[in-house]
Amino acid sequence: MVRSELLQKLCNLHPNILRRDMEKILEIIFHEITVALSEGKNIEIRGFGMYKIIKRKARIGRNPKNLELVQIPEKKAIRWKTSKIFFNRLNKNFTENKISDTL
C-alpha cells in the first residue's frame, strides 16, 4: 500500500472529512514521527509496533567494483518491532495451530 491508497481508504472510511483535511492529518502524523525519530526518541503505537533508533558502528567495508577497503562511518538506523497483537493478527493460522498442537 502506498500513501495515496492509504489516503483513499481513510477518505472512504470517513466520508464526512474532506480529502484535503485527511491529507493534512496524514502529513502531520508522518511529520511528527519523522521529527521524533530524528531527535532520537522512540515511538510506540499500541497494537501496531515500536520504532526505535539504533546506531550502527563505524566499520571497514569493501568496494565491490575494485575490492578496495573503504571506511564506513557510524550512522543511525531505524529498527521496527511488531506488537504481539499485530503479530498474532498476521499469523492467525500459525498461532492457532501452535495452540492446538500443544493441547
PDB file of N, CA and C in Angstrom:
ATOM      1  N   MET A   1       0.851  -1.173   0.000  1.00  0.00           N
ATOM      2  CA  MET A   1       0.000   0.000   0.000  1.00  0.00           C
ATOM      3  C   MET A   1       0.896   1.235   0.000  1.00  0.00           C
ATOM      4  N   VAL A   2       0.573   2.173  -0.852  1.00  0.00           N
ATOM      5  CA  VAL A   2       1.295   3.438  -0.907  1.00  0.00           C
ATOM      6  C   VAL A   2       0.463   4.521  -0.231  1.00  0.00           C
ATOM      7  N   ARG A   3       1.064   5.673  -0.060  1.00  0.00           N
ATOM      8  CA  ARG A   3       0.421   6.763   0.681  1.00  0.00           C
ATOM      9  C   ARG A   3      -0.936   7.159   0.087  1.00  0.00           C
ATOM     10  N   SER A   4      -1.021   7.225  -1.241  1.00  0.00           N
ATOM     11  CA  SER A   4      -2.276   7.620  -1.886  1.00  0.00           C
ATOM     12  C   SER A   4      -3.381   6.592  -1.635  1.00  0.00           C
ATOM     13  N   GLU A   5      -3.026   5.299  -1.603  1.00  0.00           N
ATOM     14  CA  GLU A   5      -4.018   4.259  -1.310  1.00  0.00           C
ATOM     15  C   GLU A   5      -4.491   4.361   0.137  1.00  0.00           C
ATOM     16  N   LEU A   6      -3.564   4.639   1.048  1.00  0.00           N
ATOM     17  CA  LEU A   6      -3.934   4.829   2.447  1.00  0.00           C
ATOM     18  C   LEU A   6      -4.867   6.021   2.596  1.00  0.00           C
ATOM     19  N   LEU A   7      -4.553   7.102   1.911  1.00  0.00           N
ATOM     20  CA  LEU A   7      -5.388   8.297   1.941  1.00  0.00           C
ATOM     21  C   LEU A   7      -6.787   7.994   1.412  1.00  0.00           C
ATOM     22  N   GLN A   8      -6.871   7.256   0.313  1.00  0.00           N
ATOM     23  CA  GLN A   8      -8.169   6.911  -0.267  1.00  0.00           C
ATOM     24  C   GLN A   8      -8.994   6.045   0.684  1.00  0.00           C
ATOM     25  N   LYS A   9      -8.346   5.066   1.329  1.00  0.00           N
ATOM     26  CA  LYS A   9      -9.066   4.213   2.285  1.00  0.00           C
ATOM     27  C   LYS A   9      -9.595   5.021   3.461  1.00  0.00           C
ATOM     28  N   LEU A  10      -8.766   5.938   3.969  1.00  0.00           N
ATOM     29  CA  LEU A  10      -9.208   6.781   5.080  1.00  0.00           C
ATOM     30  C   LEU A  10     -10.367   7.677   4.665  1.00  0.00           C
ATOM     31  N   CYS A  11     -10.306   8.213   3.453  1.00  0.00           N
ATOM     32  CA  CYS A  11     -11.408   9.044   2.945  1.00  0.00           C
ATOM     33  C   CYS A  11     -12.693   8.232   2.791  1.00  0.00           C
ATOM     34  N   ASN A  12     -12.568   6.975   2.358  1.00  0.00           N
ATOM     35  CA  ASN A  12     -13.741   6.111   2.228  1.00  0.00           C
ATOM     36  C   ASN A  12     -14.329   5.757   3.589  1.00  0.00           C
ATOM     37  N   LEU A  13     -13.463   5.563   4.592  1.00  0.00           N
ATOM     38  CA  LEU A  13     -13.937   5.232   5.936  1.00  0.00           C
ATOM     39  C   LEU A  13     -14.592   6.419   6.635  1.00  0.00           C
ATOM     40  N   HIS A  14     -14.134   7.630   6.308  1.00  0.00           N
ATOM     41  CA  HIS A  14     -14.639   8.848   6.946  1.00  0.00           C
ATOM     42  C   HIS A  14     -15.089   9.852   5.879  1.00  0.00           C
ATOM     43  N   PRO A  15     -16.246   9.614   5.266  1.00  0.00           N
ATOM     44  CA  PRO A  15     -16.687  10.481   4.166  1.00  0.00           C
ATOM     45  C   PRO A  15     -17.038  11.903   4.617  1.00  0.00           C
ATOM     46  N   ASN A  16     -17.256  12.123   5.903  1.00  0.00           N
ATOM     47  CA  ASN A  16     -17.593  13.463   6.378  1.00  0.00           C
ATOM     48  C   ASN A  16     -16.368  14.369   6.508  1.00  0.00           C
ATOM     49  N   ILE A  17     -15.150  13.808   6.399  1.00  0.00           N
ATOM     50  CA  ILE A  17     -13.918  14.611   6.444  1.00  0.00           C
ATOM     51  C   ILE A  17     -13.458  14.837   5.011  1.00  0.00           C
ATOM     52  N   LEU A  18     -13.171  16.085   4.681  1.00  0.00           N
ATOM     53  CA  LEU A  18     -12.719  16.430   3.337  1.00  0.00           C
ATOM     54  C   LEU A  18     -11.365  15.790   3.034  1.00  0.00           C
ATOM     55  N   ARG A  19     -11.150  15.499   1.760  1.00  0.00           N
ATOM     56  CA  ARG A  19      -9.902  14.851   1.342  1.00  0.00           C
ATOM     57  C   ARG A  19      -8.679  15.694   1.695  1.00  0.00           C
ATOM     58  N   ARG A  20      -8.765  16.993   1.485  1.00  0.00           N
ATOM     59  CA  ARG A  20      -7.607  17.852   1.777  1.00  0.00           C
ATOM     60  C   ARG A  20      -7.317  17.888   3.275  1.00  0.00           C
ATOM     61  N   ASP A  21      -8.373  17.778   4.107  1.00  0.00           N
ATOM     62  CA  ASP A  21      -8.166  17.717   5.550  1.00  0.00           C
ATOM     63  C   ASP A  21      -7.517  16.387   5.945  1.00  0.00           C
ATOM     64  N   MET A  22      -7.937  15.310   5.303  1.00  0.00           N
ATOM     65  CA  MET A  22      -7.350  13.997   5.573  1.00  0.00           C
ATOM     66  C   MET A  22      -5.879  13.975   5.142  1.00  0.00           C
ATOM     67  N   GLU A  23      -5.561  14.635   4.011  1.00  0.00           N
ATOM     68  CA  GLU A  23      -4.168  14.738   3.570  1.00  0.00           C
ATOM     69  C   GLU A  23      -3.336  15.474   4.609  1.00  0.00           C
ATOM     70  N   LYS A  24      -3.882  16.543   5.157  1.00  0.00           N
ATOM     71  CA  LYS A  24      -3.182  17.331   6.171  1.00  0.00           C
ATOM     72  C   LYS A  24      -2.962  16.498   7.436  1.00  0.00           C
ATOM     73  N   ILE A  25      -3.957  15.716   7.832  1.00  0.00           N
ATOM     74  CA  ILE A  25      -3.827  14.852   9.007  1.00  0.00           C
ATOM     75  C   ILE A  25      -2.686  13.856   8.801  1.00  0.00           C
ATOM     76  N   LEU A  26      -2.656  13.190   7.634  1.00  0.00           N
ATOM     77  CA  LEU A  26      -1.579  12.246   7.334  1.00  0.00           C
ATOM     78  C   LEU A  26      -0.220  12.932   7.328  1.00  0.00           C
ATOM     79  N   GLU A  27      -0.167  14.117   6.738  1.00  0.00           N
ATOM     80  CA  GLU A  27       1.083  14.874   6.679  1.00  0.00           C
ATOM     81  C   GLU A  27       1.587  15.197   8.085  1.00  0.00           C
ATOM     82  N   ILE A  28       0.690  15.605   8.973  1.00  0.00           N
ATOM     83  CA  ILE A  28       1.066  15.933  10.349  1.00  0.00           C
ATOM     84  C   ILE A  28       1.569  14.687  11.084  1.00  0.00           C
ATOM     85  N   ILE A  29       0.877  13.559  10.912  1.00  0.00           N
ATOM     86  CA  ILE A  29       1.286  12.318  11.580  1.00  0.00           C
ATOM     87  C   ILE A  29       2.685  11.904  11.134  1.00  0.00           C
ATOM     88  N   PHE A  30       2.920  11.867   9.813  1.00  0.00           N
ATOM     89  CA  PHE A  30       4.226  11.458   9.306  1.00  0.00           C
ATOM     90  C   PHE A  30       5.317  12.450   9.705  1.00  0.00           C
ATOM     91  N   HIS A  31       4.982  13.729   9.725  1.00  0.00           N
ATOM     92  CA  HIS A  31       5.959  14.751  10.121  1.00  0.00           C
ATOM     93  C   HIS A  31       6.356  14.569  11.582  1.00  0.00           C
ATOM     94  N   GLU A  32       5.386  14.351  12.451  1.00  0.00           N
ATOM     95  CA  GLU A  32       5.677  14.182  13.875  1.00  0.00           C
ATOM     96  C   GLU A  32       6.492  12.921  14.135  1.00  0.00           C
ATOM     97  N   ILE A  33       6.211  11.848  13.404  1.00  0.00           N
ATOM     98  CA  ILE A  33       7.006  10.621  13.530  1.00  0.00           C
ATOM     99  C   ILE A  33       8.441  10.889  13.101  1.00  0.00           C
ATOM    100  N   THR A  34       8.610  11.588  11.984  1.00  0.00           N
ATOM    101  CA  THR A  34       9.940  11.901  11.464  1.00  0.00           C
ATOM    102  C   THR A  34      10.720  12.780  12.437  1.00  0.00           C
ATOM    103  N   VAL A  35      10.072  13.805  12.976  1.00  0.00           N
ATOM    104  CA  VAL A  35      10.733  14.705  13.919  1.00  0.00           C
ATOM    105  C   VAL A  35      11.153  13.955  15.179  1.00  0.00           C
ATOM    106  N   ALA A  36      10.264  13.128  15.721  1.00  0.00           N
ATOM    107  CA  ALA A  36      10.580  12.382  16.938  1.00  0.00           C
ATOM    108  C   ALA A  36      11.758  11.437  16.714  1.00  0.00           C
ATOM    109  N   LEU A  37      11.769  10.741  15.582  1.00  0.00           N
ATOM    110  CA  LEU A  37      12.878   9.826  15.295  1.00  0.00           C
ATOM    111  C   LEU A  37      14.183  10.580  15.075  1.00  0.00           C
ATOM    112  N   SER A  38      14.119  11.732  14.421  1.00  0.00           N
ATOM    113  CA  SER A  38      15.347  12.498  14.191  1.00  0.00           C
ATOM    114  C   SER A  38      15.907  13.060  15.490  1.00  0.00           C
ATOM    115  N   GLU A  39      15.059  13.246  16.499  1.00  0.00           N
ATOM    116  CA  GLU A  39      15.516  13.697  17.817  1.00  0.00           C
ATOM    117  C   GLU A  39      15.995  12.534  18.682  1.00  0.00           C
ATOM    118  N   GLY A  40      15.911  11.311  18.161  1.00  0.00           N
ATOM    119  CA  GLY A  40      16.382  10.139  18.890  1.00  0.00           C
ATOM    120  C   GLY A  40      15.354   9.526  19.811  1.00  0.00           C
ATOM    121  N   LYS A  41      14.105   9.951  19.712  1.00  0.00           N
ATOM    122  CA  LYS A  41      13.045   9.401  20.567  1.00  0.00           C
ATOM    123  C   LYS A  41      12.491   8.119  19.957  1.00  0.00           C
ATOM    124  N   ASN A  42      12.026   7.218  20.817  1.00  0.00           N
ATOM    125  CA  ASN A  42      11.346   6.011  20.355  1.00  0.00           C
ATOM    126  C   ASN A  42       9.869   6.322  20.174  1.00  0.00           C
ATOM    127  N   ILE A  43       9.225   5.603  19.260  1.00  0.00           N
ATOM    128  CA  ILE A  43       7.803   5.787  19.013  1.00  0.00           C
ATOM    129  C   ILE A  43       7.115   4.452  19.224  1.00  0.00           C
ATOM    130  N   GLU A  44       6.091   4.459  20.066  1.00  0.00           N
ATOM    131  CA  GLU A  44       5.323   3.242  20.310  1.00  0.00           C
ATOM    132  C   GLU A  44       3.872   3.502  19.952  1.00  0.00           C
ATOM    133  N   ILE A  45       3.344   2.716  19.028  1.00  0.00           N
ATOM    134  CA  ILE A  45       1.941   2.794  18.643  1.00  0.00           C
ATOM    135  C   ILE A  45       1.312   1.492  19.115  1.00  0.00           C
ATOM    136  N   ARG A  46       0.544   1.577  20.183  1.00  0.00           N
ATOM    137  CA  ARG A  46      -0.036   0.377  20.804  1.00  0.00           C
ATOM    138  C   ARG A  46      -0.868  -0.407  19.797  1.00  0.00           C
ATOM    139  N   GLY A  47      -0.671  -1.701  19.782  1.00  0.00           N
ATOM    140  CA  GLY A  47      -1.403  -2.566  18.880  1.00  0.00           C
ATOM    141  C   GLY A  47      -0.795  -2.652  17.489  1.00  0.00           C
ATOM    142  N   PHE A  48       0.267  -1.863  17.229  1.00  0.00           N
ATOM    143  CA  PHE A  48       0.907  -1.871  15.915  1.00  0.00           C
ATOM    144  C   PHE A  48       2.378  -2.233  16.027  1.00  0.00           C
ATOM    145  N   GLY A  49       3.140  -1.421  16.758  1.00  0.00           N
ATOM    146  CA  GLY A  49       4.552  -1.715  16.893  1.00  0.00           C
ATOM    147  C   GLY A  49       5.328  -0.553  17.473  1.00  0.00           C
ATOM    148  N   MET A  50       6.661  -0.706  17.459  1.00  0.00           N
ATOM    149  CA  MET A  50       7.530   0.302  18.031  1.00  0.00           C
ATOM    150  C   MET A  50       8.685   0.594  17.075  1.00  0.00           C
ATOM    151  N   TYR A  51       8.942   1.884  16.874  1.00  0.00           N
ATOM    152  CA  TYR A  51      10.090   2.333  16.094  1.00  0.00           C
ATOM    153  C   TYR A  51      11.164   2.782  17.067  1.00  0.00           C
ATOM    154  N   LYS A  52      12.387   2.342  16.827  1.00  0.00           N
ATOM    155  CA  LYS A  52      13.484   2.647  17.735  1.00  0.00           C
ATOM    156  C   LYS A  52      14.713   3.034  16.907  1.00  0.00           C
ATOM    157  N   ILE A  53      15.441   4.048  17.362  1.00  0.00           N
ATOM    158  CA  ILE A  53      16.670   4.465  16.691  1.00  0.00           C
ATOM    159  C   ILE A  53      17.824   3.637  17.241  1.00  0.00           C
ATOM    160  N   ILE A  54      18.621   3.085  16.338  1.00  0.00           N
ATOM    161  CA  ILE A  54      19.831   2.381  16.740  1.00  0.00           C
ATOM    162  C   ILE A  54      21.012   3.022  16.028  1.00  0.00           C
ATOM    163  N   LYS A  55      22.199   2.873  16.608  1.00  0.00           N
ATOM    164  CA  LYS A  55      23.416   3.387  15.972  1.00  0.00           C
ATOM    165  C   LYS A  55      24.204   2.217  15.421  1.00  0.00           C
ATOM    166  N   ARG A  56      24.532   2.316  14.149  1.00  0.00           N
ATOM    167  CA  ARG A  56      25.398   1.311  13.541  1.00  0.00           C
ATOM    168  C   ARG A  56      26.826   1.795  13.688  1.00  0.00           C
ATOM    169  N   LYS A  57      27.685   0.932  14.187  1.00  0.00           N
ATOM    170  CA  LYS A  57      29.078   1.305  14.438  1.00  0.00           C
ATOM    171  C   LYS A  57      29.818   1.538  13.129  1.00  0.00           C
ATOM    172  N   ALA A  58      30.852   2.355  13.218  1.00  0.00           N
ATOM    173  CA  ALA A  58      31.735   2.549  12.065  1.00  0.00           C
ATOM    174  C   ALA A  58      32.450   1.230  11.795  1.00  0.00           C
ATOM    175  N   ARG A  59      32.687   0.963  10.526  1.00  0.00           N
ATOM    176  CA  ARG A  59      33.338  -0.301  10.179  1.00  0.00           C
ATOM    177  C   ARG A  59      34.090  -0.151   8.875  1.00  0.00           C
ATOM    178  N   ILE A  60      34.844  -1.158   8.550  1.00  0.00           N
ATOM    179  CA  ILE A  60      35.576  -1.177   7.280  1.00  0.00           C
ATOM    180  C   ILE A  60      34.844  -2.116   6.342  1.00  0.00           C
ATOM    181  N   GLY A  61      34.508  -1.603   5.148  1.00  0.00           N
ATOM    182  CA  GLY A  61      33.831  -2.402   4.139  1.00  0.00           C
ATOM    183  C   GLY A  61      34.704  -2.545   2.911  1.00  0.00           C
ATOM    184  N   ARG A  62      34.144  -3.111   1.885  1.00  0.00           N
ATOM    185  CA  ARG A  62      34.896  -3.322   0.655  1.00  0.00           C
ATOM    186  C   ARG A  62      34.082  -2.814  -0.526  1.00  0.00           C
ATOM    187  N   ASN A  63      34.728  -2.038  -1.396  1.00  0.00           N
ATOM    188  CA  ASN A  63      34.094  -1.552  -2.615  1.00  0.00           C
ATOM    189  C   ASN A  63      33.978  -2.736  -3.579  1.00  0.00           C
ATOM    190  N   PRO A  64      32.755  -3.112  -3.987  1.00  0.00           N
ATOM    191  CA  PRO A  64      32.605  -4.289  -4.841  1.00  0.00           C
ATOM    192  C   PRO A  64      33.181  -4.121  -6.251  1.00  0.00           C
ATOM    193  N   LYS A  65      33.343  -2.870  -6.710  1.00  0.00           N
ATOM    194  CA  LYS A  65      33.878  -2.666  -8.068  1.00  0.00           C
ATOM    195  C   LYS A  65      35.359  -2.979  -8.149  1.00  0.00           C
ATOM    196  N   ASN A  66      36.137  -2.450  -7.182  1.00  0.00           N
ATOM    197  CA  ASN A  66      37.584  -2.636  -7.274  1.00  0.00           C
ATOM    198  C   ASN A  66      38.168  -3.338  -6.046  1.00  0.00           C
ATOM    199  N   LEU A  67      37.329  -3.796  -5.141  1.00  0.00           N
ATOM    200  CA  LEU A  67      37.712  -4.556  -3.949  1.00  0.00           C
ATOM    201  C   LEU A  67      38.619  -3.782  -2.984  1.00  0.00           C
ATOM    202  N   GLU A  68      38.644  -2.451  -3.085  1.00  0.00           N
ATOM    203  CA  GLU A  68      39.428  -1.656  -2.151  1.00  0.00           C
ATOM    204  C   GLU A  68      38.691  -1.552  -0.820  1.00  0.00           C
ATOM    205  N   LEU A  69      39.446  -1.439   0.262  1.00  0.00           N
ATOM    206  CA  LEU A  69      38.855  -1.260   1.581  1.00  0.00           C
ATOM    207  C   LEU A  69      38.353   0.177   1.714  1.00  0.00           C
ATOM    208  N   VAL A  70      37.180   0.340   2.318  1.00  0.00           N
ATOM    209  CA  VAL A  70      36.554   1.643   2.471  1.00  0.00           C
ATOM    210  C   VAL A  70      36.091   1.788   3.924  1.00  0.00           C
ATOM    211  N   GLN A  71      36.337   2.964   4.511  1.00  0.00           N
ATOM    212  CA  GLN A  71      35.857   3.229   5.870  1.00  0.00           C
ATOM    213  C   GLN A  71      34.401   3.659   5.790  1.00  0.00           C
ATOM    214  N   ILE A  72      33.515   2.941   6.480  1.00  0.00           N
ATOM    215  CA  ILE A  72      32.088   3.271   6.526  1.00  0.00           C
ATOM    216  C   ILE A  72      31.834   3.947   7.872  1.00  0.00           C
ATOM    217  N   PRO A  73      31.323   5.183   7.875  1.00  0.00           N
ATOM    218  CA  PRO A  73      31.148   5.914   9.129  1.00  0.00           C
ATOM    219  C   PRO A  73      29.972   5.391   9.957  1.00  0.00           C
ATOM    220  N   GLU A  74      29.948   5.801  11.230  1.00  0.00           N
ATOM    221  CA  GLU A  74      28.830   5.465  12.116  1.00  0.00           C
ATOM    222  C   GLU A  74      27.580   6.163  11.601  1.00  0.00           C
ATOM    223  N   LYS A  75      26.423   5.491  11.711  1.00  0.00           N
ATOM    224  CA  LYS A  75      25.178   6.118  11.269  1.00  0.00           C
ATOM    225  C   LYS A  75      24.005   5.591  12.071  1.00  0.00           C
ATOM    226  N   LYS A  76      22.911   6.342  12.010  1.00  0.00           N
ATOM    227  CA  LYS A  76      21.685   5.954  12.691  1.00  0.00           C
ATOM    228  C   LYS A  76      20.810   5.149  11.747  1.00  0.00           C
ATOM    229  N   ALA A  77      20.054   4.212  12.316  1.00  0.00           N
ATOM    230  CA  ALA A  77      19.106   3.410  11.542  1.00  0.00           C
ATOM    231  C   ALA A  77      17.850   3.235  12.378  1.00  0.00           C
ATOM    232  N   ILE A  78      16.773   2.838  11.737  1.00  0.00           N
ATOM    233  CA  ILE A  78      15.510   2.632  12.423  1.00  0.00           C
ATOM    234  C   ILE A  78      15.247   1.136  12.530  1.00  0.00           C
ATOM    235  N   ARG A  79      14.904   0.703  13.723  1.00  0.00           N
ATOM    236  CA  ARG A  79      14.528  -0.687  13.950  1.00  0.00           C
ATOM    237  C   ARG A  79      13.052  -0.694  14.298  1.00  0.00           C
ATOM    238  N   TRP A  80      12.293  -1.591  13.688  1.00  0.00           N
ATOM    239  CA  TRP A  80      10.855  -1.692  13.953  1.00  0.00           C
ATOM    240  C   TRP A  80      10.557  -3.048  14.544  1.00  0.00           C
ATOM    241  N   LYS A  81       9.781  -3.040  15.616  1.00  0.00           N
ATOM    242  CA  LYS A  81       9.377  -4.290  16.251  1.00  0.00           C
ATOM    243  C   LYS A  81       7.858  -4.313  16.317  1.00  0.00           C
ATOM    244  N   THR A  82       7.276  -5.386  15.826  1.00  0.00           N
ATOM    245  CA  THR A  82       5.827  -5.507  15.802  1.00  0.00           C
ATOM    246  C   THR A  82       5.289  -5.796  17.201  1.00  0.00           C
ATOM    247  N   SER A  83       4.070  -5.354  17.455  1.00  0.00           N
ATOM    248  CA  SER A  83       3.431  -5.656  18.735  1.00  0.00           C
ATOM    249  C   SER A  83       2.910  -7.089  18.712  1.00  0.00           C
ATOM    250  N   LYS A  84       2.658  -7.637  19.891  1.00  0.00           N
ATOM    251  CA  LYS A  84       2.145  -9.002  19.968  1.00  0.00           C
ATOM    252  C   LYS A  84       0.768  -9.111  19.331  1.00  0.00           C
ATOM    253  N   ILE A  85      -0.051  -8.078  19.507  1.00  0.00           N
ATOM    254  CA  ILE A  85      -1.400  -8.075  18.917  1.00  0.00           C
ATOM    255  C   ILE A  85      -1.317  -8.138  17.397  1.00  0.00           C
ATOM    256  N   PHE A  86      -0.463  -7.295  16.816  1.00  0.00           N
ATOM    257  CA  PHE A  86      -0.298  -7.254  15.357  1.00  0.00           C
ATOM    258  C   PHE A  86       0.308  -8.559  14.847  1.00  0.00           C
ATOM    259  N   PHE A  87       1.295  -9.086  15.577  1.00  0.00           N
ATOM    260  CA  PHE A  87       1.924 -10.344  15.191  1.00  0.00           C
ATOM    261  C   PHE A  87       0.891 -11.471  15.151  1.00  0.00           C
ATOM    262  N   ASN A  88       0.036 -11.527  16.170  1.00  0.00           N
ATOM    263  CA  ASN A  88      -0.987 -12.577  16.222  1.00  0.00           C
ATOM    264  C   ASN A  88      -2.014 -12.421  15.107  1.00  0.00           C
ATOM    265  N   ARG A  89      -2.343 -11.186  14.736  1.00  0.00           N
ATOM    266  CA  ARG A  89      -3.273 -10.974  13.612  1.00  0.00           C
ATOM    267  C   ARG A  89      -2.656 -11.432  12.298  1.00  0.00           C
ATOM    268  N   LEU A  90      -1.364 -11.141  12.117  1.00  0.00           N
ATOM    269  CA  LEU A  90      -0.690 -11.549  10.884  1.00  0.00           C
ATOM    270  C   LEU A  90      -0.551 -13.067  10.790  1.00  0.00           C
ATOM    271  N   ASN A  91      -0.312 -13.702  11.918  1.00  0.00           N
ATOM    272  CA  ASN A  91      -0.037 -15.136  11.944  1.00  0.00           C
ATOM    273  C   ASN A  91      -1.159 -15.903  12.622  1.00  0.00           C
ATOM    274  N   LYS A  92      -2.381 -15.540  12.313  1.00  0.00           N
ATOM    275  CA  LYS A  92      -3.539 -16.139  12.983  1.00  0.00           C
ATOM    276  C   LYS A  92      -3.549 -17.654  12.838  1.00  0.00           C
ATOM    277  N   ASN A  93      -3.365 -18.171  11.638  1.00  0.00           N
ATOM    278  CA  ASN A  93      -3.373 -19.623  11.425  1.00  0.00           C
ATOM    279  C   ASN A  93      -2.206 -20.284  12.133  1.00  0.00           C
ATOM    280  N   PHE A  94      -1.052 -19.630  12.107  1.00  0.00           N
ATOM    281  CA  PHE A  94       0.145 -20.178  12.752  1.00  0.00           C
ATOM    282  C   PHE A  94      -0.064 -20.300  14.254  1.00  0.00           C
ATOM    283  N   THR A  95      -0.568 -19.242  14.881  1.00  0.00           N
ATOM    284  CA  THR A  95      -0.749 -19.267  16.335  1.00  0.00           C
ATOM    285  C   THR A  95      -1.852 -20.237  16.739  1.00  0.00           C
ATOM    286  N   GLU A  96      -2.907 -20.357  15.936  1.00  0.00           N
ATOM    287  CA  GLU A  96      -3.982 -21.309  16.254  1.00  0.00           C
ATOM    288  C   GLU A  96      -3.470 -22.742  16.182  1.00  0.00           C
ATOM    289  N   ASN A  97      -2.638 -23.044  15.163  1.00  0.00           N
ATOM    290  CA  ASN A  97      -2.091 -24.390  15.027  1.00  0.00           C
ATOM    291  C   ASN A  97      -1.143 -24.709  16.178  1.00  0.00           C
ATOM    292  N   LYS A  98      -0.363 -23.742  16.599  1.00  0.00           N
ATOM    293  CA  LYS A  98       0.583 -23.951  17.696  1.00  0.00           C
ATOM    294  C   LYS A  98      -0.186 -24.274  18.979  1.00  0.00           C
ATOM    295  N   ILE A  99      -1.249 -23.545  19.221  1.00  0.00           N
ATOM    296  CA  ILE A  99      -2.018 -23.767  20.434  1.00  0.00           C
ATOM    297  C   ILE A  99      -2.676 -25.142  20.404  1.00  0.00           C
ATOM    298  N   SER A 100      -3.242 -25.511  19.265  1.00  0.00           N
ATOM    299  CA  SER A 100      -3.911 -26.806  19.180  1.00  0.00           C
ATOM    300  C   SER A 100      -2.904 -27.969  19.236  1.00  0.00           C
ATOM    301  N   ASP A 101      -1.684 -27.736  18.756  1.00  0.00           N
ATOM    302  CA  ASP A 101      -0.662 -28.795  18.811  1.00  0.00           C
ATOM    303  C   ASP A 101      -0.199 -29.079  20.227  1.00  0.00           C
ATOM    304  N   THR A 102      -0.231 -28.060  21.091  1.00  0.00           N
ATOM    305  CA  THR A 102       0.263 -28.247  22.442  1.00  0.00           C
ATOM    306  C   THR A 102      -0.778 -28.848  23.377  1.00  0.00           C
ATOM    307  N   LEU A 103      -2.035 -28.835  22.970  1.00  0.00           N
ATOM    308  CA  LEU A 103      -3.084 -29.366  23.840  1.00  0.00           C
ATOM    309  C   LEU A 103      -3.241 -30.842  23.750  1.00  0.00           C
TER     310      LEU A 103
END
